[in-house]
Amino acid sequence: MNVKENPLISIVIPTHNRKNKLTRLIRSILESDYPNEKMKIIVVDDCSDDGTFTEIQKTFPHVEVLRNEEERFVSASRNVGIKASTGDFVLFVDDDNVVEASMITKLTKYMRRQADLGVCAPLMLYYGTDKIWCAGIKRNMVTSKTTYLLNGETLGSVKLPEVMFSDDFPNCFMVRSDIMKEYGVLFDDKLFPIHFEESDFCYRIKKLGYNVVCLTEAVVWHDVKRNETGGFETEWRTRLTARNRMLFHRKYSKRWQFLIFVLLFNWIFTFYYLNKILFYSKKPINKKLSTLDSYLTGSLEGLSSAY
């Protein structure tokens, strides 16, 4: 692509206490084939205490580093980045990624061609492998089951279409700027400070009539393990995982879907997660019981809270 054909884009990276991974990500962005002068990289340091702010300012003087003076979590941090962004598109990417050299160019070029496209994500691979982590997400609005498309498949073992339509995306995705600035679509940092924040964001964009797709020729590597703890790292995260699942389905499921979910599938998933916490967690028994209590508390909060 000729430089004149490349629109200005902003790249928003929320981060918290992962300066080494963040540095690796920024280097991969700067080494990509998209012109550096056409990228505005915005790092939002969410009150890190590992020296992230100073390190990034020193190592990458042309990167804009904004700092939250108290921990505000990923939704609020992304909103800080949106307000500082310029250009036609905003790429949101978490700090534990490495972008393939042509990823930004491919996403931008495809977004420019598709006026009805609101969100476009790359194919996400497990870091250092050719195994797919996520090619999009599908949600069952009755059961609440979330499916990461093609998870665990190996590149070359499946025939990939050019694009895969998705309900939403985690981790890395490009958004048309005017959707956020003209329509006021931001991340809901009140209801969804973390967990389901990307789902809510994408569903609101889809309600405006835009498509949400994965462009399979664009690639990012996500440094995540296959045995992630699924939101149960702390009692607070456990409560929000359960609460936000309920809030999300209250907001977007049809009434009959939500009724079936509450009466049947919520309890099936509750039993599944309680079993997972009790028998597969390595926490001591008192911590397991506290985590169980947090999950049940979150479910009840989601059912009774107003939004």
C-alpha atoms as a PDB file:
ATOM      1  CA  MET A   1       0.000   0.000   0.000  1.00  0.00           C
ATOM      2  CA  ASN A   2       1.250   3.472  -0.893  1.00  0.00           C
ATOM      3  CA  VAL A   3       1.699   5.773   2.100  1.00  0.00           C
ATOM      4  CA  LYS A   4      -0.924   8.146   0.655  1.00  0.00           C
ATOM      5  CA  GLU A   5      -3.434   5.319   0.716  1.00  0.00           C
ATOM      6  CA  ASN A   6      -2.866   4.585   4.398  1.00  0.00           C
ATOM      7  CA  PRO A   7      -5.276   6.412   6.696  1.00  0.00           C
ATOM      8  CA  LEU A   8      -4.196   7.582  10.118  1.00  0.00           C
ATOM      9  CA  ILE A   9      -5.090   5.011  12.785  1.00  0.00           C
ATOM     10  CA  SER A  10      -4.836   4.912  16.561  1.00  0.00           C
ATOM     11  CA  ILE A  11      -3.711   1.847  18.482  1.00  0.00           C
ATOM     12  CA  VAL A  12      -5.017   1.683  22.051  1.00  0.00           C
ATOM     13  CA  ILE A  13      -3.223  -0.633  24.471  1.00  0.00           C
ATOM     14  CA  PRO A  14      -4.531  -0.943  28.056  1.00  0.00           C
ATOM     15  CA  THR A  15      -1.926  -2.364  30.418  1.00  0.00           C
ATOM     16  CA  HIS A  16      -1.344  -3.233  34.058  1.00  0.00           C
ATOM     17  CA  ASN A  17       1.981  -4.501  35.436  1.00  0.00           C
ATOM     18  CA  ARG A  18       3.150  -6.248  32.261  1.00  0.00           C
ATOM     19  CA  LYS A  19       5.846  -3.917  30.958  1.00  0.00           C
ATOM     20  CA  ASN A  20       7.941  -6.681  29.384  1.00  0.00           C
ATOM     21  CA  LYS A  21       5.044  -8.062  27.356  1.00  0.00           C
ATOM     22  CA  LEU A  22       3.943  -4.512  26.538  1.00  0.00           C
ATOM     23  CA  THR A  23       7.418  -3.661  25.248  1.00  0.00           C
ATOM     24  CA  ARG A  24       7.376  -6.774  23.066  1.00  0.00           C
ATOM     25  CA  LEU A  25       3.990  -5.776  21.619  1.00  0.00           C
ATOM     26  CA  ILE A  26       5.023  -2.202  20.843  1.00  0.00           C
ATOM     27  CA  ARG A  27       8.174  -3.408  19.080  1.00  0.00           C
ATOM     28  CA  SER A  28       6.115  -5.736  16.895  1.00  0.00           C
ATOM     29  CA  ILE A  29       3.778  -2.851  16.011  1.00  0.00           C
ATOM     30  CA  LEU A  30       6.664  -0.562  15.071  1.00  0.00           C
ATOM     31  CA  GLU A  31       8.260  -3.344  13.008  1.00  0.00           C
ATOM     32  CA  SER A  32       5.051  -3.995  11.058  1.00  0.00           C
ATOM     33  CA  ASP A  33       4.701  -2.868   7.442  1.00  0.00           C
ATOM     34  CA  TYR A  34       2.188  -0.115   8.242  1.00  0.00           C
ATOM     35  CA  PRO A  35       3.909   3.302   8.133  1.00  0.00           C
ATOM     36  CA  ASN A  36       4.900   4.436  11.630  1.00  0.00           C
ATOM     37  CA  GLU A  37       3.948   8.037  10.845  1.00  0.00           C
ATOM     38  CA  LYS A  38       0.379   6.869  10.186  1.00  0.00           C
ATOM     39  CA  MET A  39       0.020   5.159  13.590  1.00  0.00           C
ATOM     40  CA  LYS A  40      -0.733   6.884  16.869  1.00  0.00           C
ATOM     41  CA  ILE A  41       0.126   4.402  19.616  1.00  0.00           C
ATOM     42  CA  ILE A  42      -1.666   5.147  22.890  1.00  0.00           C
ATOM     43  CA  VAL A  43      -0.712   3.156  25.978  1.00  0.00           C
ATOM     44  CA  VAL A  44      -3.101   3.499  28.917  1.00  0.00           C
ATOM     45  CA  ASP A  45      -1.249   2.466  32.069  1.00  0.00           C
ATOM     46  CA  ASP A  46      -3.874   1.344  34.557  1.00  0.00           C
ATOM     47  CA  CYS A  47      -2.006   2.339  37.726  1.00  0.00           C
ATOM     48  CA  SER A  48       0.874  -0.120  37.280  1.00  0.00           C
ATOM     49  CA  ASP A  49       3.452  -0.293  40.068  1.00  0.00           C
ATOM     50  CA  ASP A  50       6.179  -2.053  38.060  1.00  0.00           C
ATOM     51  CA  GLY A  51       7.586   1.080  36.403  1.00  0.00           C
ATOM     52  CA  THR A  52       5.580   0.671  33.181  1.00  0.00           C
ATOM     53  CA  PHE A  53       4.934   4.400  32.702  1.00  0.00           C
ATOM     54  CA  THR A  54       8.581   5.444  33.000  1.00  0.00           C
ATOM     55  CA  GLU A  55       9.896   2.466  31.023  1.00  0.00           C
ATOM     56  CA  ILE A  56       7.637   3.066  28.011  1.00  0.00           C
ATOM     57  CA  GLN A  57       8.295   6.817  27.995  1.00  0.00           C
ATOM     58  CA  LYS A  58      12.052   6.163  28.002  1.00  0.00           C
ATOM     59  CA  THR A  59      12.081   3.302  25.482  1.00  0.00           C
ATOM     60  CA  PHE A  60       9.449   4.647  23.074  1.00  0.00           C
ATOM     61  CA  PRO A  61       9.475   8.480  23.256  1.00  0.00           C
ATOM     62  CA  HIS A  62       6.994   8.805  20.363  1.00  0.00           C
ATOM     63  CA  VAL A  63       4.380   6.616  22.065  1.00  0.00           C
ATOM     64  CA  GLU A  64       1.710   8.497  23.993  1.00  0.00           C
ATOM     65  CA  VAL A  65       1.504   7.075  27.527  1.00  0.00           C
ATOM     66  CA  LEU A  66      -1.502   7.993  29.668  1.00  0.00           C
ATOM     67  CA  ARG A  67      -1.754   6.900  33.282  1.00  0.00           C
ATOM     68  CA  ASN A  68      -4.746   6.194  35.512  1.00  0.00           C
ATOM     69  CA  GLU A  69      -3.916   7.365  39.032  1.00  0.00           C
ATOM     70  CA  GLU A  70      -6.123   4.592  40.426  1.00  0.00           C
ATOM     71  CA  GLU A  71      -6.900   1.193  38.927  1.00  0.00           C
ATOM     72  CA  ARG A  72      -9.946   1.620  36.663  1.00  0.00           C
ATOM     73  CA  PHE A  73      -9.770  -1.672  34.716  1.00  0.00           C
ATOM     74  CA  VAL A  74      -9.943  -2.419  31.037  1.00  0.00           C
ATOM     75  CA  SER A  75     -13.203  -0.721  29.953  1.00  0.00           C
ATOM     76  CA  ALA A  76     -12.353   2.645  31.493  1.00  0.00           C
ATOM     77  CA  SER A  77      -8.769   2.385  30.222  1.00  0.00           C
ATOM     78  CA  ARG A  78      -9.934   1.759  26.666  1.00  0.00           C
ATOM     79  CA  ASN A  79     -12.288   4.738  26.941  1.00  0.00           C
ATOM     80  CA  VAL A  80      -9.358   6.924  27.966  1.00  0.00           C
ATOM     81  CA  GLY A  81      -7.601   5.730  24.809  1.00  0.00           C
ATOM     82  CA  ILE A  82     -10.643   6.377  22.620  1.00  0.00           C
ATOM     83  CA  LYS A  83     -10.857   9.983  23.797  1.00  0.00           C
ATOM     84  CA  ALA A  84      -7.196  10.508  22.918  1.00  0.00           C
ATOM     85  CA  SER A  85      -7.474   8.748  19.549  1.00  0.00           C
ATOM     86  CA  THR A  86      -7.416  10.289  16.076  1.00  0.00           C
ATOM     87  CA  GLY A  87      -7.820   8.911  12.578  1.00  0.00           C
ATOM     88  CA  ASP A  88     -10.281   6.692  10.741  1.00  0.00           C
ATOM     89  CA  PHE A  89      -9.861   3.511  12.774  1.00  0.00           C
ATOM     90  CA  VAL A  90      -8.919   2.442  16.281  1.00  0.00           C
ATOM     91  CA  LEU A  91      -7.142  -0.843  16.915  1.00  0.00           C
ATOM     92  CA  PHE A  92      -7.624  -2.210  20.418  1.00  0.00           C
ATOM     93  CA  VAL A  93      -4.970  -4.748  21.370  1.00  0.00           C
ATOM     94  CA  ASP A  94      -4.160  -6.219  24.773  1.00  0.00           C
ATOM     95  CA  ASP A  95      -0.576  -6.049  26.010  1.00  0.00           C
ATOM     96  CA  ASP A  96       0.037  -9.826  25.851  1.00  0.00           C
ATOM     97  CA  ASN A  97       0.053  -9.989  22.053  1.00  0.00           C
ATOM     98  CA  VAL A  98       2.510  -9.883  19.178  1.00  0.00           C
ATOM     99  CA  VAL A  99       1.222  -8.631  15.821  1.00  0.00           C
ATOM    100  CA  GLU A 100       2.235 -10.250  12.547  1.00  0.00           C
ATOM    101  CA  ALA A 101       4.021  -7.786  10.265  1.00  0.00           C
ATOM    102  CA  SER A 102       1.122  -7.291   7.831  1.00  0.00           C
ATOM    103  CA  MET A 103      -1.775  -7.548  10.303  1.00  0.00           C
ATOM    104  CA  ILE A 104      -2.455  -3.826  10.704  1.00  0.00           C
ATOM    105  CA  THR A 105      -2.217  -3.208   6.961  1.00  0.00           C
ATOM    106  CA  LYS A 106      -4.615  -6.050   6.144  1.00  0.00           C
ATOM    107  CA  LEU A 107      -7.200  -5.011   8.741  1.00  0.00           C
ATOM    108  CA  THR A 108      -7.086  -1.366   7.664  1.00  0.00           C
ATOM    109  CA  LYS A 109      -7.280  -2.161   3.968  1.00  0.00           C
ATOM    110  CA  TYR A 110     -10.266  -4.478   4.456  1.00  0.00           C
ATOM    111  CA  MET A 111     -12.090  -2.014   6.731  1.00  0.00           C
ATOM    112  CA  ARG A 112     -11.702   0.720   4.097  1.00  0.00           C
ATOM    113  CA  ARG A 113     -13.357  -1.489   1.472  1.00  0.00           C
ATOM    114  CA  GLN A 114     -16.357  -2.467   3.606  1.00  0.00           C
ATOM    115  CA  ALA A 115     -18.571   0.460   4.599  1.00  0.00           C
ATOM    116  CA  ASP A 116     -20.921  -1.813   6.576  1.00  0.00           C
ATOM    117  CA  LEU A 117     -18.098  -3.228   8.679  1.00  0.00           C
ATOM    118  CA  GLY A 118     -17.942  -1.944  12.263  1.00  0.00           C
ATOM    119  CA  VAL A 119     -15.482  -4.345  13.905  1.00  0.00           C
ATOM    120  CA  CYS A 120     -12.758  -6.420  12.252  1.00  0.00           C
ATOM    121  CA  ALA A 121     -10.427  -8.748  14.161  1.00  0.00           C
ATOM    122  CA  PRO A 122      -7.450 -10.837  13.058  1.00  0.00           C
ATOM    123  CA  LEU A 123      -7.148 -14.573  13.419  1.00  0.00           C
ATOM    124  CA  MET A 124      -5.719 -15.083  16.914  1.00  0.00           C
ATOM    125  CA  LEU A 125      -3.148 -17.829  17.426  1.00  0.00           C
ATOM    126  CA  TYR A 126      -1.569 -19.159  20.603  1.00  0.00           C
ATOM    127  CA  TYR A 127       1.789 -17.424  20.970  1.00  0.00           C
ATOM    128  CA  GLY A 128       4.642 -19.306  19.359  1.00  0.00           C
ATOM    129  CA  THR A 129       2.382 -21.829  17.635  1.00  0.00           C
ATOM    130  CA  ASP A 130       0.188 -22.292  14.577  1.00  0.00           C
ATOM    131  CA  LYS A 131      -2.789 -23.313  16.746  1.00  0.00           C
ATOM    132  CA  ILE A 132      -5.862 -21.095  16.655  1.00  0.00           C
ATOM    133  CA  TRP A 133      -6.978 -19.474  19.903  1.00  0.00           C
ATOM    134  CA  CYS A 134      -9.953 -17.579  18.480  1.00  0.00           C
ATOM    135  CA  ALA A 135     -11.498 -16.860  15.076  1.00  0.00           C
ATOM    136  CA  GLY A 136     -14.514 -15.163  16.600  1.00  0.00           C
ATOM    137  CA  ILE A 137     -17.119 -15.866  19.256  1.00  0.00           C
ATOM    138  CA  LYS A 138     -20.591 -17.328  19.056  1.00  0.00           C
ATOM    139  CA  ARG A 139     -22.976 -17.031  22.001  1.00  0.00           C
ATOM    140  CA  ASN A 140     -26.041 -19.116  22.658  1.00  0.00           C
ATOM    141  CA  MET A 141     -28.555 -16.645  24.043  1.00  0.00           C
ATOM    142  CA  VAL A 142     -30.599 -19.401  25.712  1.00  0.00           C
ATOM    143  CA  THR A 143     -27.885 -21.463  27.375  1.00  0.00           C
ATOM    144  CA  SER A 144     -25.262 -18.661  27.638  1.00  0.00           C
ATOM    145  CA  LYS A 145     -22.638 -21.057  26.261  1.00  0.00           C
ATOM    146  CA  THR A 146     -19.727 -19.193  24.681  1.00  0.00           C
ATOM    147  CA  THR A 147     -17.845 -20.835  21.803  1.00  0.00           C
ATOM    148  CA  TYR A 148     -14.434 -19.659  20.624  1.00  0.00           C
ATOM    149  CA  LEU A 149     -14.550 -20.486  16.925  1.00  0.00           C
ATOM    150  CA  LEU A 150     -11.884 -22.939  15.692  1.00  0.00           C
ATOM    151  CA  ASN A 151     -10.196 -23.014  19.091  1.00  0.00           C
ATOM    152  CA  GLY A 152      -7.387 -25.600  19.104  1.00  0.00           C
ATOM    153  CA  GLU A 153      -7.414 -26.155  15.340  1.00  0.00           C
ATOM    154  CA  THR A 154      -4.088 -26.021  13.523  1.00  0.00           C
ATOM    155  CA  LEU A 155      -3.496 -23.730  10.562  1.00  0.00           C
ATOM    156  CA  GLY A 156      -3.617 -25.814   7.419  1.00  0.00           C
ATOM    157  CA  SER A 157      -5.891 -28.440   8.974  1.00  0.00           C
ATOM    158  CA  VAL A 158      -9.041 -26.399   8.291  1.00  0.00           C
ATOM    159  CA  LYS A 159     -10.112 -24.436   5.236  1.00  0.00           C
ATOM    160  CA  LEU A 160     -10.574 -20.822   6.294  1.00  0.00           C
ATOM    161  CA  PRO A 161     -13.010 -18.479   4.551  1.00  0.00           C
ATOM    162  CA  GLU A 162     -11.832 -14.924   3.916  1.00  0.00           C
ATOM    163  CA  VAL A 163     -14.006 -13.672   6.771  1.00  0.00           C
ATOM    164  CA  MET A 164     -15.895 -15.306   9.617  1.00  0.00           C
ATOM    165  CA  PHE A 165     -18.907 -13.504  11.057  1.00  0.00           C
ATOM    166  CA  SER A 166     -18.856 -13.256  14.821  1.00  0.00           C
ATOM    167  CA  ASP A 167     -20.973 -12.102  17.742  1.00  0.00           C
ATOM    168  CA  ASP A 168     -18.059 -10.340  19.389  1.00  0.00           C
ATOM    169  CA  PHE A 169     -14.293 -10.455  19.918  1.00  0.00           C
ATOM    170  CA  PRO A 170     -11.841 -10.426  22.799  1.00  0.00           C
ATOM    171  CA  ASN A 171      -8.240  -9.275  22.909  1.00  0.00           C
ATOM    172  CA  CYS A 172      -7.565  -7.624  19.521  1.00  0.00           C
ATOM    173  CA  PHE A 173      -9.935  -5.889  17.086  1.00  0.00           C
ATOM    174  CA  MET A 174     -10.200  -2.790  14.888  1.00  0.00           C
ATOM    175  CA  VAL A 175     -13.192  -0.440  15.082  1.00  0.00           C
ATOM    176  CA  ARG A 176     -14.415   2.350  12.823  1.00  0.00           C
ATOM    177  CA  SER A 177     -13.727   5.611  14.690  1.00  0.00           C
ATOM    178  CA  ASP A 178     -16.919   7.410  13.716  1.00  0.00           C
ATOM    179  CA  ILE A 179     -19.013   4.714  15.420  1.00  0.00           C
ATOM    180  CA  MET A 180     -17.451   5.661  18.735  1.00  0.00           C
ATOM    181  CA  LYS A 181     -17.189   9.416  18.240  1.00  0.00           C
ATOM    182  CA  GLU A 182     -20.380  10.164  16.286  1.00  0.00           C
ATOM    183  CA  TYR A 183     -22.650   7.550  17.868  1.00  0.00           C
ATOM    184  CA  GLY A 184     -21.024   7.727  21.299  1.00  0.00           C
ATOM    185  CA  VAL A 185     -20.373   3.986  21.535  1.00  0.00           C
ATOM    186  CA  LEU A 186     -17.857   3.532  24.350  1.00  0.00           C
ATOM    187  CA  PHE A 187     -17.106   0.609  26.640  1.00  0.00           C
ATOM    188  CA  ASP A 188     -19.567   0.420  29.529  1.00  0.00           C
ATOM    189  CA  ASP A 189     -17.179   0.873  32.461  1.00  0.00           C
ATOM    190  CA  LYS A 190     -20.037   0.934  34.978  1.00  0.00           C
ATOM    191  CA  LEU A 191     -21.848  -2.330  34.196  1.00  0.00           C
ATOM    192  CA  PHE A 192     -18.909  -4.135  32.592  1.00  0.00           C
ATOM    193  CA  PRO A 193     -15.589  -2.783  33.962  1.00  0.00           C
ATOM    194  CA  ILE A 194     -14.110  -6.181  33.071  1.00  0.00           C
ATOM    195  CA  HIS A 195     -15.679  -9.443  31.807  1.00  0.00           C
ATOM    196  CA  PHE A 196     -18.274  -9.219  28.989  1.00  0.00           C
ATOM    197  CA  GLU A 197     -17.148  -5.644  28.254  1.00  0.00           C
ATOM    198  CA  GLU A 198     -16.153  -6.517  24.680  1.00  0.00           C
ATOM    199  CA  SER A 199     -19.363  -8.486  24.150  1.00  0.00           C
ATOM    200  CA  ASP A 200     -21.537  -5.564  25.206  1.00  0.00           C
ATOM    201  CA  PHE A 201     -19.469  -3.188  23.046  1.00  0.00           C
ATOM    202  CA  CYS A 202     -19.789  -5.332  19.900  1.00  0.00           C
ATOM    203  CA  TYR A 203     -23.490  -6.037  20.417  1.00  0.00           C
ATOM    204  CA  ARG A 204     -24.223  -2.303  20.565  1.00  0.00           C
ATOM    205  CA  ILE A 205     -22.293  -1.782  17.332  1.00  0.00           C
ATOM    206  CA  LYS A 206     -24.236  -4.595  15.670  1.00  0.00           C
ATOM    207  CA  LYS A 207     -27.493  -2.948  16.769  1.00  0.00           C
ATOM    208  CA  LEU A 208     -26.461   0.066  14.681  1.00  0.00           C
ATOM    209  CA  GLY A 209     -26.445  -2.201  11.611  1.00  0.00           C
ATOM    210  CA  TYR A 210     -22.712  -2.886  11.294  1.00  0.00           C
ATOM    211  CA  ASN A 211     -21.087  -6.280  10.803  1.00  0.00           C
ATOM    212  CA  VAL A 212     -18.506  -7.859  13.109  1.00  0.00           C
ATOM    213  CA  VAL A 213     -16.027 -10.187  11.388  1.00  0.00           C
ATOM    214  CA  CYS A 214     -12.697 -11.963  11.648  1.00  0.00           C
ATOM    215  CA  LEU A 215     -10.372 -11.411   8.687  1.00  0.00           C
ATOM    216  CA  THR A 216      -8.582 -14.743   8.617  1.00  0.00           C
ATOM    217  CA  GLU A 217      -5.556 -13.641   6.558  1.00  0.00           C
ATOM    218  CA  ALA A 218      -4.585 -11.161   9.300  1.00  0.00           C
ATOM    219  CA  VAL A 219      -2.814 -12.783  12.268  1.00  0.00           C
ATOM    220  CA  VAL A 220      -1.926 -11.925  15.850  1.00  0.00           C
ATOM    221  CA  TRP A 221      -0.262 -14.172  18.428  1.00  0.00           C
ATOM    222  CA  HIS A 222      -1.845 -14.129  21.889  1.00  0.00           C
ATOM    223  CA  ASP A 223       0.408 -15.076  24.804  1.00  0.00           C
ATOM    224  CA  VAL A 224      -2.231 -17.001  26.735  1.00  0.00           C
ATOM    225  CA  LYS A 225      -2.166 -20.536  28.093  1.00  0.00           C
ATOM    226  CA  ARG A 226      -4.797 -23.105  27.238  1.00  0.00           C
ATOM    227  CA  ASN A 227      -5.584 -23.700  30.910  1.00  0.00           C
ATOM    228  CA  GLU A 228      -6.482 -20.102  31.834  1.00  0.00           C
ATOM    229  CA  THR A 229      -8.499 -19.827  35.047  1.00  0.00           C
ATOM    230  CA  GLY A 230     -11.525 -18.337  33.329  1.00  0.00           C
ATOM    231  CA  GLY A 231     -12.169 -15.331  35.551  1.00  0.00           C
ATOM    232  CA  PHE A 232     -11.704 -17.118  38.897  1.00  0.00           C
ATOM    233  CA  GLU A 233      -8.284 -15.646  39.750  1.00  0.00           C
ATOM    234  CA  THR A 234      -9.699 -13.544  42.596  1.00  0.00           C
ATOM    235  CA  GLU A 235     -12.951 -13.413  44.498  1.00  0.00           C
ATOM    236  CA  TRP A 236     -13.754 -10.053  42.910  1.00  0.00           C
ATOM    237  CA  ARG A 237     -13.245 -11.402  39.387  1.00  0.00           C
ATOM    238  CA  THR A 238     -15.279 -14.485  40.226  1.00  0.00           C
ATOM    239  CA  ARG A 239     -18.197 -12.331  41.400  1.00  0.00           C
ATOM    240  CA  LEU A 240     -18.037 -10.163  38.274  1.00  0.00           C
ATOM    241  CA  THR A 241     -17.827 -13.177  35.975  1.00  0.00           C
ATOM    242  CA  ALA A 242     -21.088 -14.537  37.388  1.00  0.00           C
ATOM    243  CA  ARG A 243     -22.775 -11.144  37.724  1.00  0.00           C
ATOM    244  CA  ASN A 244     -21.903  -9.932  34.242  1.00  0.00           C
ATOM    245  CA  ARG A 245     -23.012 -13.153  32.587  1.00  0.00           C
ATOM    246  CA  MET A 246     -26.430 -12.557  34.109  1.00  0.00           C
ATOM    247  CA  LEU A 247     -26.470  -8.838  33.258  1.00  0.00           C
ATOM    248  CA  PHE A 248     -25.430  -9.460  29.657  1.00  0.00           C
ATOM    249  CA  HIS A 249     -28.215 -11.960  29.070  1.00  0.00           C
ATOM    250  CA  ARG A 250     -30.765  -9.771  30.825  1.00  0.00           C
ATOM    251  CA  LYS A 251     -29.809  -7.008  28.408  1.00  0.00           C
ATOM    252  CA  TYR A 252     -29.592  -8.894  25.114  1.00  0.00           C
ATOM    253  CA  SER A 253     -31.602 -12.133  25.346  1.00  0.00           C
ATOM    254  CA  LYS A 254     -35.246 -12.157  24.354  1.00  0.00           C
ATOM    255  CA  ARG A 255     -37.609 -12.544  27.290  1.00  0.00           C
ATOM    256  CA  TRP A 256     -38.342 -16.195  26.609  1.00  0.00           C
ATOM    257  CA  GLN A 257     -34.629 -16.916  26.148  1.00  0.00           C
ATOM    258  CA  PHE A 258     -33.740 -15.238  29.431  1.00  0.00           C
ATOM    259  CA  LEU A 259     -36.511 -17.086  31.284  1.00  0.00           C
ATOM    260  CA  ILE A 260     -35.188 -20.461  30.101  1.00  0.00           C
ATOM    261  CA  PHE A 261     -31.660 -19.392  30.958  1.00  0.00           C
ATOM    262  CA  VAL A 262     -32.574 -18.308  34.507  1.00  0.00           C
ATOM    263  CA  LEU A 263     -34.755 -21.321  35.302  1.00  0.00           C
ATOM    264  CA  LEU A 264     -32.533 -24.014  33.789  1.00  0.00           C
ATOM    265  CA  PHE A 265     -29.186 -23.244  32.207  1.00  0.00           C
ATOM    266  CA  ASN A 266     -27.948 -20.754  34.766  1.00  0.00           C
ATOM    267  CA  TRP A 267     -28.114 -23.523  37.374  1.00  0.00           C
ATOM    268  CA  ILE A 268     -26.416 -26.009  35.073  1.00  0.00           C
ATOM    269  CA  PHE A 269     -23.525 -23.608  34.502  1.00  0.00           C
ATOM    270  CA  THR A 270     -23.463 -22.687  38.188  1.00  0.00           C
ATOM    271  CA  PHE A 271     -23.074 -26.355  39.098  1.00  0.00           C
ATOM    272  CA  TYR A 272     -20.378 -26.734  36.417  1.00  0.00           C
ATOM    273  CA  TYR A 273     -18.327 -23.796  37.708  1.00  0.00           C
ATOM    274  CA  LEU A 274     -18.812 -24.697  41.341  1.00  0.00           C
ATOM    275  CA  ASN A 275     -17.551 -28.187  40.571  1.00  0.00           C
ATOM    276  CA  LYS A 276     -14.586 -26.686  38.702  1.00  0.00           C
ATOM    277  CA  ILE A 277     -13.718 -24.396  41.617  1.00  0.00           C
ATOM    278  CA  LEU A 278     -14.158 -27.084  44.259  1.00  0.00           C
ATOM    279  CA  PHE A 279     -12.393 -30.016  42.627  1.00  0.00           C
ATOM    280  CA  TYR A 280      -9.946 -28.524  40.100  1.00  0.00           C
ATOM    281  CA  SER A 281      -8.720 -25.368  41.800  1.00  0.00           C
ATOM    282  CA  LYS A 282      -5.415 -25.644  43.685  1.00  0.00           C
ATOM    283  CA  LYS A 283      -6.509 -23.090  46.278  1.00  0.00           C
ATOM    284  CA  PRO A 284      -6.793 -24.105  49.944  1.00  0.00           C
ATOM    285  CA  ILE A 285     -10.264 -25.155  51.060  1.00  0.00           C
ATOM    286  CA  ASN A 286     -11.084 -21.842  52.771  1.00  0.00           C
ATOM    287  CA  LYS A 287     -10.248 -19.966  49.549  1.00  0.00           C
ATOM    288  CA  LYS A 288     -12.324 -22.406  47.512  1.00  0.00           C
ATOM    289  CA  LEU A 289     -15.322 -21.764  49.762  1.00  0.00           C
ATOM    290  CA  SER A 290     -14.842 -17.997  49.480  1.00  0.00           C
ATOM    291  CA  THR A 291     -14.683 -18.318  45.687  1.00  0.00           C
ATOM    292  CA  LEU A 292     -17.873 -20.401  45.685  1.00  0.00           C
ATOM    293  CA  ASP A 293     -19.595 -17.748  47.777  1.00  0.00           C
ATOM    294  CA  SER A 294     -18.397 -15.029  45.389  1.00  0.00           C
ATOM    295  CA  TYR A 295     -19.793 -16.871  42.370  1.00  0.00           C
ATOM    296  CA  LEU A 296     -23.213 -17.358  43.966  1.00  0.00           C
ATOM    297  CA  THR A 297     -23.247 -13.746  45.184  1.00  0.00           C
ATOM    298  CA  GLY A 298     -22.442 -12.507  41.687  1.00  0.00           C
ATOM    299  CA  SER A 299     -25.258 -14.536  40.127  1.00  0.00           C
ATOM    300  CA  LEU A 300     -27.763 -13.114  42.592  1.00  0.00           C
ATOM    301  CA  GLU A 301     -26.478  -9.569  42.033  1.00  0.00           C
ATOM    302  CA  GLY A 302     -26.865  -9.953  38.271  1.00  0.00           C
ATOM    303  CA  LEU A 303     -30.415 -11.197  38.668  1.00  0.00           C
ATOM    304  CA  SER A 304     -31.513  -8.434  41.044  1.00  0.00           C
ATOM    305  CA  SER A 305     -29.482  -5.417  39.849  1.00  0.00           C
ATOM    306  CA  ALA A 306     -31.022  -2.639  37.820  1.00  0.00           C
ATOM    307  CA  TYR A 307     -29.244  -1.521  34.668  1.00  0.00           C
END
